[in-house]
Each structure stands twice: as C-alpha cells, then as structure tokens.
C-alpha cells in the first residue's frame, strides 16, 4: 500500500476545557474551514509518541501550542530535535518528538517549526481570555501569510 502524505503537517496541541490552552486546537479548527490542499491537520490534548509516524514524508511540520510565558502575541521559529530525559511519555514536547522521530525514521522533516501563541488563563473551565483571542488573530494571520494563503506584508 503506497499512501501519499501531504507535504505539510500542522499539529495543534491543547485542551479546549482549559481556557487559553485551547489555542492550538482553535488554530486547527480555523484551518480546517479553509480546506487547504497539500496540508494535513491534526489536533490532540498533548503530543503522543505515536506522532513520530506522522512526521514521515513531510516537507514542513508546524506545531501550534499555547505558551504560558514568552513573546506576545506569538513566537514562531524552527525546532531542533532534543532528547527528553523524563521518565514518562505523558507529555511529549515537540523537540522530544523530533528526537524520537530522528532515531526511528533516520531523518527529520526539513522544515519544522513551533508557533507558540501567548496565553494567560489555563484553569479547567476557563473561557478563552480576550488577550489570548487577540494574540490568536495575529498568529493566524501570520500563519496564513507563511503558508501563502494571504499575500506577504508589504
């Protein structure tokens, strides 16, 4: 069976029941509505080790997650493979997933990035905060420009 994978994979990470932690999932919902060609979209509460198989055959992988600290409204940058020395795979970081993928697959997708959208409120039952919603709008616009959906800023 020879399945063709989409060249671009975007993985949204987050729990919609925890306020601003929903930013990664919301990103995937927004992108699904665009029905993007050559792009596969996945979302989960947290990364699982099994996602290493989804990295195979990709030209670009973008992880989208909420950030409890850091740049506002978002940060976007390349990811490097980094071994995680934790005792559990309960919460796998994107960098640790890449390191495992490199060990198993022998290589990494050539372009791998993290889009970290700044959030503020992460308690169970919280609604999306106004600041995070604003940051989300800026991050989505950036992502759409990065993917060529919107023209570049002049």
C-alpha atoms as a PDB file:
ATOM      1  CA  UNK A   1       0.000   0.000   0.000  1.00  0.00           C
ATOM      2  CA  UNK A   2       1.608   3.256  -1.150  1.00  0.00           C
ATOM      3  CA  UNK A   3      -0.105   6.154   0.594  1.00  0.00           C
ATOM      4  CA  UNK A   4       0.841   9.673  -0.340  1.00  0.00           C
ATOM      5  CA  UNK A   5       1.144  12.047   2.593  1.00  0.00           C
ATOM      6  CA  UNK A   6       0.518  15.754   2.403  1.00  0.00           C
ATOM      7  CA  UNK A   7       3.780  17.705   2.252  1.00  0.00           C
ATOM      8  CA  UNK A   8       2.718  19.940   5.176  1.00  0.00           C
ATOM      9  CA  UNK A   9       1.546  18.747   8.588  1.00  0.00           C
ATOM     10  CA  UNK A  10       0.166  21.122  11.214  1.00  0.00           C
ATOM     11  CA  UNK A  11      -0.408  19.749  14.715  1.00  0.00           C
ATOM     12  CA  UNK A  12      -2.452  21.812  17.164  1.00  0.00           C
ATOM     13  CA  UNK A  13      -1.861  20.960  20.804  1.00  0.00           C
ATOM     14  CA  UNK A  14      -4.208  21.951  23.610  1.00  0.00           C
ATOM     15  CA  UNK A  15      -7.173  21.258  25.836  1.00  0.00           C
ATOM     16  CA  UNK A  16     -10.310  23.232  24.919  1.00  0.00           C
ATOM     17  CA  UNK A  17     -11.557  22.856  28.524  1.00  0.00           C
ATOM     18  CA  UNK A  18      -8.606  24.824  29.899  1.00  0.00           C
ATOM     19  CA  UNK A  19      -9.121  28.373  28.649  1.00  0.00           C
ATOM     20  CA  UNK A  20      -6.207  29.644  26.603  1.00  0.00           C
ATOM     21  CA  UNK A  21      -4.758  26.135  26.335  1.00  0.00           C
ATOM     22  CA  UNK A  22      -7.305  25.733  23.504  1.00  0.00           C
ATOM     23  CA  UNK A  23      -5.275  27.964  21.148  1.00  0.00           C
ATOM     24  CA  UNK A  24      -3.649  25.056  19.272  1.00  0.00           C
ATOM     25  CA  UNK A  25      -6.996  23.295  18.770  1.00  0.00           C
ATOM     26  CA  UNK A  26      -8.667  26.537  17.693  1.00  0.00           C
ATOM     27  CA  UNK A  27      -5.966  27.027  15.081  1.00  0.00           C
ATOM     28  CA  UNK A  28      -6.715  23.621  13.572  1.00  0.00           C
ATOM     29  CA  UNK A  29     -10.463  24.376  13.556  1.00  0.00           C
ATOM     30  CA  UNK A  30      -9.828  27.631  11.690  1.00  0.00           C
ATOM     31  CA  UNK A  31      -7.541  25.964   9.151  1.00  0.00           C
ATOM     32  CA  UNK A  32      -9.960  23.060   8.585  1.00  0.00           C
ATOM     33  CA  UNK A  33     -12.534  25.550   7.352  1.00  0.00           C
ATOM     34  CA  UNK A  34     -10.069  26.643   4.629  1.00  0.00           C
ATOM     35  CA  UNK A  35      -9.787  23.090   3.198  1.00  0.00           C
ATOM     36  CA  UNK A  36      -6.095  23.569   2.445  1.00  0.00           C
ATOM     37  CA  UNK A  37      -4.577  21.446  -0.297  1.00  0.00           C
ATOM     38  CA  UNK A  38      -1.324  19.604   0.478  1.00  0.00           C
ATOM     39  CA  UNK A  39      -1.857  20.081   4.223  1.00  0.00           C
ATOM     40  CA  UNK A  40      -2.823  17.544   6.883  1.00  0.00           C
ATOM     41  CA  UNK A  41      -4.207  18.881  10.154  1.00  0.00           C
ATOM     42  CA  UNK A  42      -4.099  17.033  13.483  1.00  0.00           C
ATOM     43  CA  UNK A  43      -5.092  18.084  16.970  1.00  0.00           C
ATOM     44  CA  UNK A  44      -4.743  16.496  20.386  1.00  0.00           C
ATOM     45  CA  UNK A  45      -4.690  17.493  24.046  1.00  0.00           C
ATOM     46  CA  UNK A  46      -0.995  16.592  24.135  1.00  0.00           C
ATOM     47  CA  UNK A  47       1.574  15.055  21.830  1.00  0.00           C
ATOM     48  CA  UNK A  48       1.817  11.294  21.805  1.00  0.00           C
ATOM     49  CA  UNK A  49       4.919   9.320  20.884  1.00  0.00           C
ATOM     50  CA  UNK A  50       2.959   7.735  18.009  1.00  0.00           C
ATOM     51  CA  UNK A  51       3.050  11.057  16.162  1.00  0.00           C
ATOM     52  CA  UNK A  52       6.596  10.193  15.025  1.00  0.00           C
ATOM     53  CA  UNK A  53       4.951   8.183  12.254  1.00  0.00           C
ATOM     54  CA  UNK A  54       3.052  11.260  11.094  1.00  0.00           C
ATOM     55  CA  UNK A  55       6.375  13.065  10.518  1.00  0.00           C
ATOM     56  CA  UNK A  56       7.362  10.664   7.732  1.00  0.00           C
ATOM     57  CA  UNK A  57       7.457  12.089   4.220  1.00  0.00           C
ATOM     58  CA  UNK A  58       6.755  15.694   5.230  1.00  0.00           C
ATOM     59  CA  UNK A  59       8.425  18.782   3.804  1.00  0.00           C
ATOM     60  CA  UNK A  60       7.167  21.004   6.613  1.00  0.00           C
ATOM     61  CA  UNK A  61       5.761  20.387  10.090  1.00  0.00           C
ATOM     62  CA  UNK A  62       4.309  23.142  12.251  1.00  0.00           C
ATOM     63  CA  UNK A  63       3.378  22.571  15.888  1.00  0.00           C
ATOM     64  CA  UNK A  64       0.889  25.110  17.276  1.00  0.00           C
ATOM     65  CA  UNK A  65       0.561  25.450  21.034  1.00  0.00           C
ATOM     66  CA  UNK A  66      -0.349  27.954  23.716  1.00  0.00           C
ATOM     67  CA  UNK A  67       2.520  29.458  25.702  1.00  0.00           C
ATOM     68  CA  UNK A  68       2.140  30.493  29.348  1.00  0.00           C
ATOM     69  CA  UNK A  69       5.092  32.871  29.003  1.00  0.00           C
ATOM     70  CA  UNK A  70       7.185  34.378  26.274  1.00  0.00           C
ATOM     71  CA  UNK A  71       6.662  36.664  23.337  1.00  0.00           C
ATOM     72  CA  UNK A  72       3.361  38.387  22.698  1.00  0.00           C
ATOM     73  CA  UNK A  73       1.309  37.958  20.588  1.00  0.00           C
ATOM     74  CA  UNK A  74       3.192  34.819  19.434  1.00  0.00           C
ATOM     75  CA  UNK A  75       6.621  33.389  18.686  1.00  0.00           C
ATOM     76  CA  UNK A  76       7.467  31.414  15.563  1.00  0.00           C
ATOM     77  CA  UNK A  77      10.734  29.649  14.973  1.00  0.00           C
ATOM     78  CA  UNK A  78      12.500  26.486  13.908  1.00  0.00           C
ATOM     79  CA  UNK A  79      12.541  23.469  16.185  1.00  0.00           C
ATOM     80  CA  UNK A  80      15.549  21.280  16.861  1.00  0.00           C
ATOM     81  CA  UNK A  81      15.468  17.671  17.956  1.00  0.00           C
ATOM     82  CA  UNK A  82      16.230  17.383  21.662  1.00  0.00           C
ATOM     83  CA  UNK A  83      16.134  14.220  23.743  1.00  0.00           C
ATOM     84  CA  UNK A  84      13.757  14.390  26.696  1.00  0.00           C
ATOM     85  CA  UNK A  85      15.108  12.629  29.780  1.00  0.00           C
ATOM     86  CA  UNK A  86      11.769  12.433  31.586  1.00  0.00           C
ATOM     87  CA  UNK A  87      10.571   9.096  32.911  1.00  0.00           C
ATOM     88  CA  UNK A  88       7.168   9.288  31.283  1.00  0.00           C
ATOM     89  CA  UNK A  89       5.721   9.937  27.859  1.00  0.00           C
ATOM     90  CA  UNK A  90       2.652  11.565  29.433  1.00  0.00           C
ATOM     91  CA  UNK A  91       3.584  14.910  27.903  1.00  0.00           C
ATOM     92  CA  UNK A  92       5.973  14.752  24.964  1.00  0.00           C
ATOM     93  CA  UNK A  93       7.445  18.067  23.797  1.00  0.00           C
ATOM     94  CA  UNK A  94       7.707  18.813  20.069  1.00  0.00           C
ATOM     95  CA  UNK A  95      11.525  18.763  20.322  1.00  0.00           C
ATOM     96  CA  UNK A  96      11.489  15.356  22.059  1.00  0.00           C
ATOM     97  CA  UNK A  97       9.095  14.037  19.417  1.00  0.00           C
ATOM     98  CA  UNK A  98      11.525  15.181  16.730  1.00  0.00           C
ATOM     99  CA  UNK A  99      14.433  13.478  18.509  1.00  0.00           C
ATOM    100  CA  UNK A 100      12.476  10.226  18.710  1.00  0.00           C
ATOM    101  CA  UNK A 101      11.435  10.613  15.084  1.00  0.00           C
ATOM    102  CA  UNK A 102      15.058  11.073  14.065  1.00  0.00           C
ATOM    103  CA  UNK A 103      16.061   7.931  15.984  1.00  0.00           C
ATOM    104  CA  UNK A 104      13.258   5.845  14.487  1.00  0.00           C
ATOM    105  CA  UNK A 105      12.986   7.311  10.984  1.00  0.00           C
ATOM    106  CA  UNK A 106      16.652   8.192  10.497  1.00  0.00           C
ATOM    107  CA  UNK A 107      15.889  11.782   9.492  1.00  0.00           C
ATOM    108  CA  UNK A 108      13.711  14.802  10.242  1.00  0.00           C
ATOM    109  CA  UNK A 109      11.312  16.787   8.088  1.00  0.00           C
ATOM    110  CA  UNK A 110      13.443  19.570   6.536  1.00  0.00           C
ATOM    111  CA  UNK A 111      11.345  22.447   7.903  1.00  0.00           C
ATOM    112  CA  UNK A 112       9.963  22.049  11.413  1.00  0.00           C
ATOM    113  CA  UNK A 113       8.581  24.975  13.405  1.00  0.00           C
ATOM    114  CA  UNK A 114       6.775  25.898  16.596  1.00  0.00           C
ATOM    115  CA  UNK A 115       4.090  28.585  16.618  1.00  0.00           C
ATOM    116  CA  UNK A 116       3.683  29.452  20.312  1.00  0.00           C
ATOM    117  CA  UNK A 117       0.674  31.705  20.888  1.00  0.00           C
ATOM    118  CA  UNK A 118       0.800  33.599  24.183  1.00  0.00           C
ATOM    119  CA  UNK A 119      -1.964  32.632  26.611  1.00  0.00           C
ATOM    120  CA  UNK A 120      -2.783  33.806  30.117  1.00  0.00           C
ATOM    121  CA  UNK A 121      -5.586  31.715  31.618  1.00  0.00           C
ATOM    122  CA  UNK A 122      -5.213  27.906  31.789  1.00  0.00           C
ATOM    123  CA  UNK A 123      -7.504  26.695  34.592  1.00  0.00           C
ATOM    124  CA  UNK A 124     -10.062  23.966  33.985  1.00  0.00           C
ATOM    125  CA  UNK A 125     -13.348  25.584  32.936  1.00  0.00           C
ATOM    126  CA  UNK A 126     -11.820  28.942  31.981  1.00  0.00           C
ATOM    127  CA  UNK A 127     -13.021  30.617  28.810  1.00  0.00           C
ATOM    128  CA  UNK A 128     -10.591  31.905  26.201  1.00  0.00           C
ATOM    129  CA  UNK A 129      -9.230  35.218  27.505  1.00  0.00           C
ATOM    130  CA  UNK A 130      -9.624  38.404  25.471  1.00  0.00           C
ATOM    131  CA  UNK A 131      -5.835  38.877  25.289  1.00  0.00           C
ATOM    132  CA  UNK A 132      -5.312  35.321  24.015  1.00  0.00           C
ATOM    133  CA  UNK A 133      -8.094  35.754  21.434  1.00  0.00           C
ATOM    134  CA  UNK A 134      -6.322  38.867  20.158  1.00  0.00           C
ATOM    135  CA  UNK A 135      -2.967  37.044  20.058  1.00  0.00           C
ATOM    136  CA  UNK A 136      -4.677  34.180  18.204  1.00  0.00           C
ATOM    137  CA  UNK A 137      -5.920  36.550  15.492  1.00  0.00           C
ATOM    138  CA  UNK A 138      -2.378  37.870  14.955  1.00  0.00           C
ATOM    139  CA  UNK A 139      -0.906  34.346  14.937  1.00  0.00           C
ATOM    140  CA  UNK A 140      -3.464  33.047  12.421  1.00  0.00           C
ATOM    141  CA  UNK A 141      -2.792  35.963  10.097  1.00  0.00           C
ATOM    142  CA  UNK A 142       0.940  35.254  10.330  1.00  0.00           C
ATOM    143  CA  UNK A 143       0.419  31.535   9.693  1.00  0.00           C
ATOM    144  CA  UNK A 144      -1.781  32.217   6.664  1.00  0.00           C
ATOM    145  CA  UNK A 145       0.937  34.506   5.260  1.00  0.00           C
ATOM    146  CA  UNK A 146       3.612  31.875   5.982  1.00  0.00           C
ATOM    147  CA  UNK A 147       1.597  29.274   4.081  1.00  0.00           C
ATOM    148  CA  UNK A 148       0.945  31.629   1.167  1.00  0.00           C
ATOM    149  CA  UNK A 149      -2.805  31.913   1.770  1.00  0.00           C
ATOM    150  CA  UNK A 150      -2.505  35.652   2.350  1.00  0.00           C
ATOM    151  CA  UNK A 151      -0.031  37.826   0.464  1.00  0.00           C
ATOM    152  CA  UNK A 152       3.118  38.843   2.356  1.00  0.00           C
ATOM    153  CA  UNK A 153       3.100  42.123   4.280  1.00  0.00           C
ATOM    154  CA  UNK A 154       4.438  44.950   2.222  1.00  0.00           C
END
